[in-house]
């Protein structure tokens, strides 16, 4: 994008201060919303941190949530697809769990309406964790006596240990995983020195090229929607793009595989752009190796645009400004 730095700065200063739905720039809140059915509490979060890291929640005792979502490494899978409980690869790339509390639906196809639903689905997925049913999950936890006091503190009652409460605890923990300390957030909050001139050029191009039509809001995952509502877009739109064949972008049919509805063919939940610096490889199949490649793919397939190397560098620089330091999450001592 050919724009004088002073003009770019003036434009973005005005844009960041603009009010209304048209303004795409929103800082990430420091806390995520908790559903009324599962309010977060310190006891619940502590229990969830344990369960998130406990491999005994998988059928073979070899896989935990943290296996595919290592928090210190970006919380995402760093292979195209992650190996599950018996070493079989999953069908889609494992997205990051950082900032998942801001999403309104889960999985690449948006089929889970809540984090609790997503956790339970993962527990029972025969490839991922292989726990055959709710009773089996509860029995596995009850076989570890040290867990009982934690469940009683978190949930109370005689039936505190249950599969539903396992999911509630893990979801409560995941809602604490927030990364608001990014250059972009500091800029939106008023620190106009937080972004470099290149990042500002990329920010202006991100809006001018139409990226913000889909990637908007604090998490850059779409418009503000009620919990349980999925926001999808077709990908790829331009099926004549050479990247479609290069990265096998139409081998997976998308949301239609869940709904069976033709209008959902190649429809995907719009993913967050937060922390992309840490979460390569990219796209639903994890076949796009670098962030620069991902920018080129999206330009060609969604905008029918071939970005120059300079434009790619500017956009990558801006996207990297959406990544901040990852808060330390100590590994727990398990019962």
Protein backbone atom coordinates (compact mmCIF):
# COMPACT_ATOMS: atom_id res chain seq x y z
CA UNK A 1 0.00 0.00 0.00
CA UNK A 2 1.57 3.30 -1.07
CA UNK A 3 0.72 5.81 1.67
CA UNK A 4 2.89 8.42 3.30
CA UNK A 5 3.59 7.47 6.94
CA UNK A 6 2.17 10.76 8.25
CA UNK A 7 -1.06 10.27 6.30
CA UNK A 8 -1.23 6.66 7.45
CA UNK A 9 -0.80 7.69 11.08
CA UNK A 10 -3.48 10.37 10.80
CA UNK A 11 -5.93 8.00 9.15
CA UNK A 12 -5.45 5.30 11.76
CA UNK A 13 -5.63 7.69 14.68
CA UNK A 14 -9.02 8.79 13.38
CA UNK A 15 -10.11 5.21 12.71
CA UNK A 16 -9.11 3.94 16.15
CA UNK A 17 -11.10 6.69 17.82
CA UNK A 18 -14.18 6.26 15.64
CA UNK A 19 -17.34 4.99 17.26
CA UNK A 20 -19.99 2.75 15.78
CA UNK A 21 -20.18 -0.67 14.17
CA UNK A 22 -18.05 0.40 11.22
CA UNK A 23 -14.96 0.89 13.39
CA UNK A 24 -13.08 -2.45 13.36
CA UNK A 25 -10.51 -1.70 16.04
CA UNK A 26 -11.34 -3.01 19.50
CA UNK A 27 -8.95 -3.85 22.32
CA UNK A 28 -9.24 -7.29 23.87
CA UNK A 29 -10.92 -7.26 27.31
CA UNK A 30 -8.84 -8.65 30.15
CA UNK A 31 -11.53 -11.15 31.15
CA UNK A 32 -13.93 -13.34 29.20
CA UNK A 33 -17.66 -13.64 29.85
CA UNK A 34 -18.80 -16.59 31.97
CA UNK A 35 -22.11 -18.29 31.21
CA UNK A 36 -24.74 -18.21 33.94
CA UNK A 37 -24.80 -22.02 33.92
CA UNK A 38 -21.08 -22.23 34.66
CA UNK A 39 -19.72 -19.17 36.46
CA UNK A 40 -15.97 -19.21 36.97
CA UNK A 41 -14.66 -19.63 40.51
CA UNK A 42 -11.10 -20.05 41.80
CA UNK A 43 -11.83 -23.64 42.88
CA UNK A 44 -13.32 -24.51 39.51
CA UNK A 45 -10.42 -22.94 37.60
CA UNK A 46 -7.85 -24.74 39.75
CA UNK A 47 -9.56 -28.06 39.10
CA UNK A 48 -9.84 -27.29 35.41
CA UNK A 49 -6.12 -26.54 35.18
CA UNK A 50 -5.40 -30.00 36.59
CA UNK A 51 -7.82 -31.78 34.28
CA UNK A 52 -6.54 -29.85 31.25
CA UNK A 53 -3.07 -31.31 31.88
CA UNK A 54 -4.11 -34.81 33.01
CA UNK A 55 -3.46 -37.59 30.48
CA UNK A 56 -5.62 -39.96 32.50
CA UNK A 57 -8.63 -38.26 30.90
CA UNK A 58 -7.79 -40.18 27.72
CA UNK A 59 -8.64 -43.83 27.18
CA UNK A 60 -5.01 -44.92 26.97
CA UNK A 61 -3.67 -42.42 29.51
CA UNK A 62 -1.35 -40.89 26.92
CA UNK A 63 -3.08 -37.69 25.78
CA UNK A 64 -4.33 -34.61 27.63
CA UNK A 65 -5.82 -31.35 26.39
CA UNK A 66 -2.35 -29.84 26.82
CA UNK A 67 -0.83 -32.45 24.51
CA UNK A 68 -2.32 -30.74 21.46
CA UNK A 69 -2.70 -27.31 23.07
CA UNK A 70 0.60 -26.61 24.83
CA UNK A 71 0.00 -23.22 26.43
CA UNK A 72 3.61 -22.07 26.42
CA UNK A 73 3.84 -22.82 22.68
CA UNK A 74 0.80 -20.84 21.55
CA UNK A 75 -1.88 -23.28 22.66
CA UNK A 76 -2.23 -24.81 19.18
CA UNK A 77 -1.12 -27.88 17.26
CA UNK A 78 2.15 -27.33 15.39
CA UNK A 79 1.65 -30.17 12.94
CA UNK A 80 -0.97 -30.11 10.19
CA UNK A 81 -3.11 -32.35 12.40
CA UNK A 82 -2.40 -33.71 15.86
CA UNK A 83 -2.08 -37.38 16.76
CA UNK A 84 -4.76 -38.65 19.10
CA UNK A 85 -5.06 -41.28 21.76
CA UNK A 86 -3.88 -44.19 19.58
CA UNK A 87 -1.51 -42.21 17.37
CA UNK A 88 -4.03 -41.68 14.58
CA UNK A 89 -3.99 -38.13 13.16
CA UNK A 90 -7.08 -35.96 13.50
CA UNK A 91 -8.88 -34.52 10.51
CA UNK A 92 -8.20 -30.81 11.08
CA UNK A 93 -5.56 -28.55 12.57
CA UNK A 94 -5.80 -27.96 16.32
CA UNK A 95 -6.53 -24.22 16.85
CA UNK A 96 -5.25 -22.24 19.81
CA UNK A 97 -7.06 -22.27 23.15
CA UNK A 98 -5.80 -18.81 24.06
CA UNK A 99 -8.73 -16.36 24.06
CA UNK A 100 -11.28 -19.11 23.31
CA UNK A 101 -13.59 -17.58 25.92
CA UNK A 102 -14.40 -14.79 23.47
CA UNK A 103 -15.65 -17.14 20.77
CA UNK A 104 -19.34 -17.91 20.32
CA UNK A 105 -18.94 -21.32 18.66
CA UNK A 106 -16.21 -23.94 18.47
CA UNK A 107 -14.43 -26.25 16.05
CA UNK A 108 -13.56 -25.20 12.54
CA UNK A 109 -17.13 -25.91 11.47
CA UNK A 110 -18.73 -24.22 14.50
CA UNK A 111 -20.62 -27.34 15.54
CA UNK A 112 -20.11 -26.87 19.29
CA UNK A 113 -22.20 -24.10 20.83
CA UNK A 114 -20.15 -23.76 24.03
CA UNK A 115 -16.77 -24.59 25.47
CA UNK A 116 -18.46 -27.17 27.68
CA UNK A 117 -19.90 -28.89 24.59
CA UNK A 118 -16.54 -28.76 22.88
CA UNK A 119 -14.72 -30.34 25.84
CA UNK A 120 -17.24 -33.17 26.12
CA UNK A 121 -17.02 -33.83 22.40
CA UNK A 122 -13.24 -34.05 22.59
CA UNK A 123 -13.39 -36.48 25.49
CA UNK A 124 -15.58 -38.86 23.50
CA UNK A 125 -13.97 -38.45 20.09
CA UNK A 126 -12.51 -41.89 19.28
CA UNK A 127 -9.44 -40.32 17.66
CA UNK A 128 -8.75 -37.54 20.14
CA UNK A 129 -9.26 -38.90 23.68
CA UNK A 130 -11.37 -42.01 23.22
CA UNK A 131 -13.44 -41.95 26.44
CA UNK A 132 -16.45 -44.01 25.39
CA UNK A 133 -19.21 -42.35 27.43
CA UNK A 134 -20.00 -40.06 30.37
CA UNK A 135 -20.06 -42.90 32.89
CA UNK A 136 -16.59 -44.00 31.79
CA UNK A 137 -15.21 -40.48 32.29
CA UNK A 138 -16.73 -40.24 35.79
CA UNK A 139 -15.46 -43.70 36.72
CA UNK A 140 -11.93 -42.81 35.63
CA UNK A 141 -11.94 -39.70 37.84
CA UNK A 142 -13.44 -41.59 40.80
CA UNK A 143 -10.59 -44.10 40.51
CA UNK A 144 -8.25 -41.25 41.51
CA UNK A 145 -9.29 -40.50 45.13
CA UNK A 146 -7.21 -37.34 45.32
CA UNK A 147 -9.57 -35.60 42.90
CA UNK A 148 -12.65 -35.86 45.14
CA UNK A 149 -11.83 -32.89 47.43
CA UNK A 150 -11.20 -30.67 44.42
CA UNK A 151 -14.54 -31.57 42.85
CA UNK A 152 -16.34 -31.06 46.15
CA UNK A 153 -14.78 -27.61 46.59
CA UNK A 154 -15.61 -26.65 43.03
CA UNK A 155 -19.12 -28.08 42.78
CA UNK A 156 -20.27 -29.35 46.19
CA UNK A 157 -22.87 -32.05 46.66
CA UNK A 158 -22.73 -35.80 46.81
CA UNK A 159 -22.44 -36.19 43.04
CA UNK A 160 -19.69 -33.64 42.43
CA UNK A 161 -17.67 -36.04 40.28
CA UNK A 162 -19.32 -36.26 36.87
CA UNK A 163 -18.42 -35.93 33.23
CA UNK A 164 -20.46 -32.73 33.03
CA UNK A 165 -18.43 -31.21 35.87
CA UNK A 166 -15.18 -32.29 34.23
CA UNK A 167 -16.24 -30.29 31.17
CA UNK A 168 -17.39 -27.34 33.29
CA UNK A 169 -14.08 -27.18 35.14
CA UNK A 170 -11.93 -27.37 31.99
CA UNK A 171 -14.10 -24.74 30.28
CA UNK A 172 -13.83 -22.45 33.32
CA UNK A 173 -10.05 -22.78 33.22
CA UNK A 174 -9.89 -22.15 29.46
CA UNK A 175 -11.89 -18.93 29.91
CA UNK A 176 -8.99 -17.55 31.98
CA UNK A 177 -6.59 -17.89 29.04
CA UNK A 178 -6.47 -14.31 27.80
CA UNK A 179 -3.67 -12.40 26.03
CA UNK A 180 -4.59 -8.69 25.99
CA UNK A 181 -1.04 -7.35 26.29
CA UNK A 182 -0.25 -6.87 22.60
CA UNK A 183 1.18 -3.92 20.64
CA UNK A 184 -2.17 -3.64 18.86
CA UNK A 185 -4.12 -3.43 22.13
CA UNK A 186 -1.77 -0.78 23.47
CA UNK A 187 -2.23 1.21 20.27
CA UNK A 188 -6.02 1.02 20.38
CA UNK A 189 -5.91 2.04 24.05
CA UNK A 190 -4.12 5.26 23.08
CA UNK A 191 -0.40 4.51 22.88
CA UNK A 192 0.26 5.70 19.33
CA UNK A 193 3.91 4.63 19.55
CA UNK A 194 2.96 0.99 20.15
CA UNK A 195 2.86 0.12 16.43
CA UNK A 196 5.65 0.62 13.93
CA UNK A 197 5.11 2.42 10.63
CA UNK A 198 5.09 -0.93 8.86
CA UNK A 199 2.47 -2.29 11.25
CA UNK A 200 0.37 0.83 10.69
CA UNK A 201 0.59 0.35 6.94
CA UNK A 202 -0.52 -3.23 7.42
CA UNK A 203 -3.36 -2.13 9.67
CA UNK A 204 -4.60 0.33 7.05
CA UNK A 205 -4.29 -2.29 4.31
CA UNK A 206 -6.11 -4.84 6.45
CA UNK A 207 -9.16 -2.60 6.42
CA UNK A 208 -8.79 -1.18 2.90
CA UNK A 209 -8.45 -4.64 1.35
CA UNK A 210 -11.57 -5.89 3.12
CA UNK A 211 -10.01 -8.29 5.63
CA UNK A 212 -11.92 -6.62 8.47
CA UNK A 213 -15.28 -7.45 6.91
CA UNK A 214 -14.86 -10.98 8.29
CA UNK A 215 -12.09 -10.58 10.87
CA UNK A 216 -13.47 -7.95 13.21
CA UNK A 217 -14.14 -7.48 16.92
CA UNK A 218 -11.69 -7.85 19.80
CA UNK A 219 -10.73 -11.40 18.80
CA UNK A 220 -10.79 -10.67 15.04
CA UNK A 221 -13.23 -13.58 14.60
CA UNK A 222 -16.35 -11.77 13.43
CA UNK A 223 -19.17 -9.52 14.61
CA UNK A 224 -20.55 -9.52 18.14
CA UNK A 225 -22.98 -12.44 18.39
CA UNK A 226 -24.86 -14.27 21.11
CA UNK A 227 -23.16 -17.28 22.66
CA UNK A 228 -23.85 -20.39 20.62
CA UNK A 229 -24.15 -18.47 17.34
CA UNK A 230 -21.77 -19.46 14.57
CA UNK A 231 -20.35 -16.95 12.10
CA UNK A 232 -19.14 -18.69 8.95
CA UNK A 233 -17.76 -17.63 5.60
CA UNK A 234 -17.09 -19.57 2.42
CA UNK A 235 -13.49 -20.66 1.93
CA UNK A 236 -12.20 -20.73 -0.71
CA UNK A 237 -14.37 -18.25 -2.57
CA UNK A 238 -12.13 -18.04 -5.62
CA UNK A 239 -11.77 -21.72 -6.50
CA UNK A 240 -9.60 -20.79 -9.50
CA UNK A 241 -6.81 -19.60 -7.21
CA UNK A 242 -3.65 -21.68 -7.73
CA UNK A 243 -3.39 -22.06 -3.96
CA UNK A 244 -6.52 -24.22 -3.92
CA UNK A 245 -4.61 -27.11 -5.46
CA UNK A 246 -1.29 -26.29 -3.81
CA UNK A 247 -2.74 -26.56 -0.32
CA UNK A 248 -5.63 -29.00 -0.97
CA UNK A 249 -8.14 -26.40 0.19
CA UNK A 250 -11.28 -28.11 -1.15
CA UNK A 251 -10.53 -31.67 -0.03
CA UNK A 252 -12.47 -30.97 3.17
CA UNK A 253 -16.06 -29.86 2.49
CA UNK A 254 -16.38 -27.82 5.68
CA UNK A 255 -19.53 -27.34 7.74
CA UNK A 256 -21.68 -29.40 5.38
CA UNK A 257 -20.07 -32.52 6.81
CA UNK A 258 -21.74 -31.65 10.12
CA UNK A 259 -25.07 -30.17 8.99
CA UNK A 260 -25.67 -32.00 5.71
CA UNK A 261 -26.97 -28.73 4.23
CA UNK A 262 -25.74 -27.73 0.79
CA UNK A 263 -25.46 -24.07 1.79
CA UNK A 264 -22.77 -25.11 4.27
CA UNK A 265 -20.43 -26.54 1.63
CA UNK A 266 -17.00 -24.93 2.16
CA UNK A 267 -18.39 -22.82 5.00
CA UNK A 268 -16.00 -22.39 7.94
CA UNK A 269 -16.20 -20.61 11.25
CA UNK A 270 -14.17 -17.43 10.92
CA UNK A 271 -11.12 -18.04 13.13
CA UNK A 272 -9.53 -15.54 15.47
CA UNK A 273 -6.36 -13.83 14.24
CA UNK A 274 -4.93 -13.46 17.73
CA UNK A 275 -1.50 -14.99 18.41
CA UNK A 276 -0.91 -16.13 14.83
CA UNK A 277 2.77 -15.49 15.45
CA UNK A 278 2.83 -18.64 17.60
CA UNK A 279 0.36 -20.95 15.88
CA UNK A 280 1.79 -22.08 12.53
CA UNK A 281 0.87 -23.98 10.39
CA UNK A 282 -2.36 -22.38 9.18
CA UNK A 283 -5.82 -23.07 7.75
CA UNK A 284 -8.20 -25.86 8.67
CA UNK A 285 -5.87 -28.53 7.29
CA UNK A 286 -2.65 -27.04 8.63
CA UNK A 287 -0.96 -27.24 5.24
CA UNK A 288 -0.04 -23.55 4.90
CA UNK A 289 3.37 -23.31 6.56
CA UNK A 290 4.00 -19.62 7.23
CA UNK A 291 2.03 -16.50 8.03
CA UNK A 292 3.26 -14.86 4.83
CA UNK A 293 1.94 -17.84 2.87
CA UNK A 294 -1.39 -17.56 4.71
CA UNK A 295 -1.69 -13.89 3.73
CA UNK A 296 -1.06 -14.75 0.09
CA UNK A 297 -3.61 -17.57 0.24
CA UNK A 298 -6.31 -15.37 1.75
CA UNK A 299 -5.61 -12.55 -0.71
CA UNK A 300 -5.95 -14.89 -3.67
CA UNK A 301 -8.81 -17.12 -2.49
CA UNK A 302 -10.99 -14.59 -0.68
CA UNK A 303 -10.16 -11.26 -2.30
CA UNK A 304 -9.05 -12.43 -5.78
CA UNK A 305 -5.98 -10.27 -5.18
CA UNK A 306 -2.29 -10.99 -5.63
CA UNK A 307 -0.44 -9.15 -2.89
CA UNK A 308 3.04 -7.82 -3.63
CA UNK A 309 5.88 -8.90 -1.37
CA UNK A 310 5.79 -5.45 0.27
CA UNK A 311 2.05 -5.72 0.92
CA UNK A 312 2.50 -9.19 2.38
CA UNK A 313 5.26 -7.93 4.67
CA UNK A 314 3.08 -5.06 5.90
CA UNK A 315 0.09 -7.31 6.59
CA UNK A 316 2.24 -9.91 8.34
CA UNK A 317 3.78 -7.19 10.49
CA UNK A 318 0.32 -6.00 11.54
CA UNK A 319 -0.92 -9.54 12.22
CA UNK A 320 2.12 -10.19 14.39
CA UNK A 321 1.15 -7.13 16.43
CA UNK A 322 -1.95 -9.11 17.50
CA UNK A 323 0.37 -11.46 19.38
CA UNK A 324 1.59 -10.61 22.86
CA UNK A 325 3.49 -12.32 25.63
CA UNK A 326 1.82 -15.55 26.69
CA UNK A 327 1.04 -15.51 30.42
CA UNK A 328 2.80 -18.26 32.34
CA UNK A 329 0.49 -21.09 33.35
CA UNK A 330 2.34 -23.36 35.79
CA UNK A 331 1.93 -27.08 35.23
CA UNK A 332 -0.14 -28.42 38.12
CA UNK A 333 0.69 -31.14 40.60
CA UNK A 334 -1.87 -33.83 39.83
CA UNK A 335 -3.65 -35.98 42.41
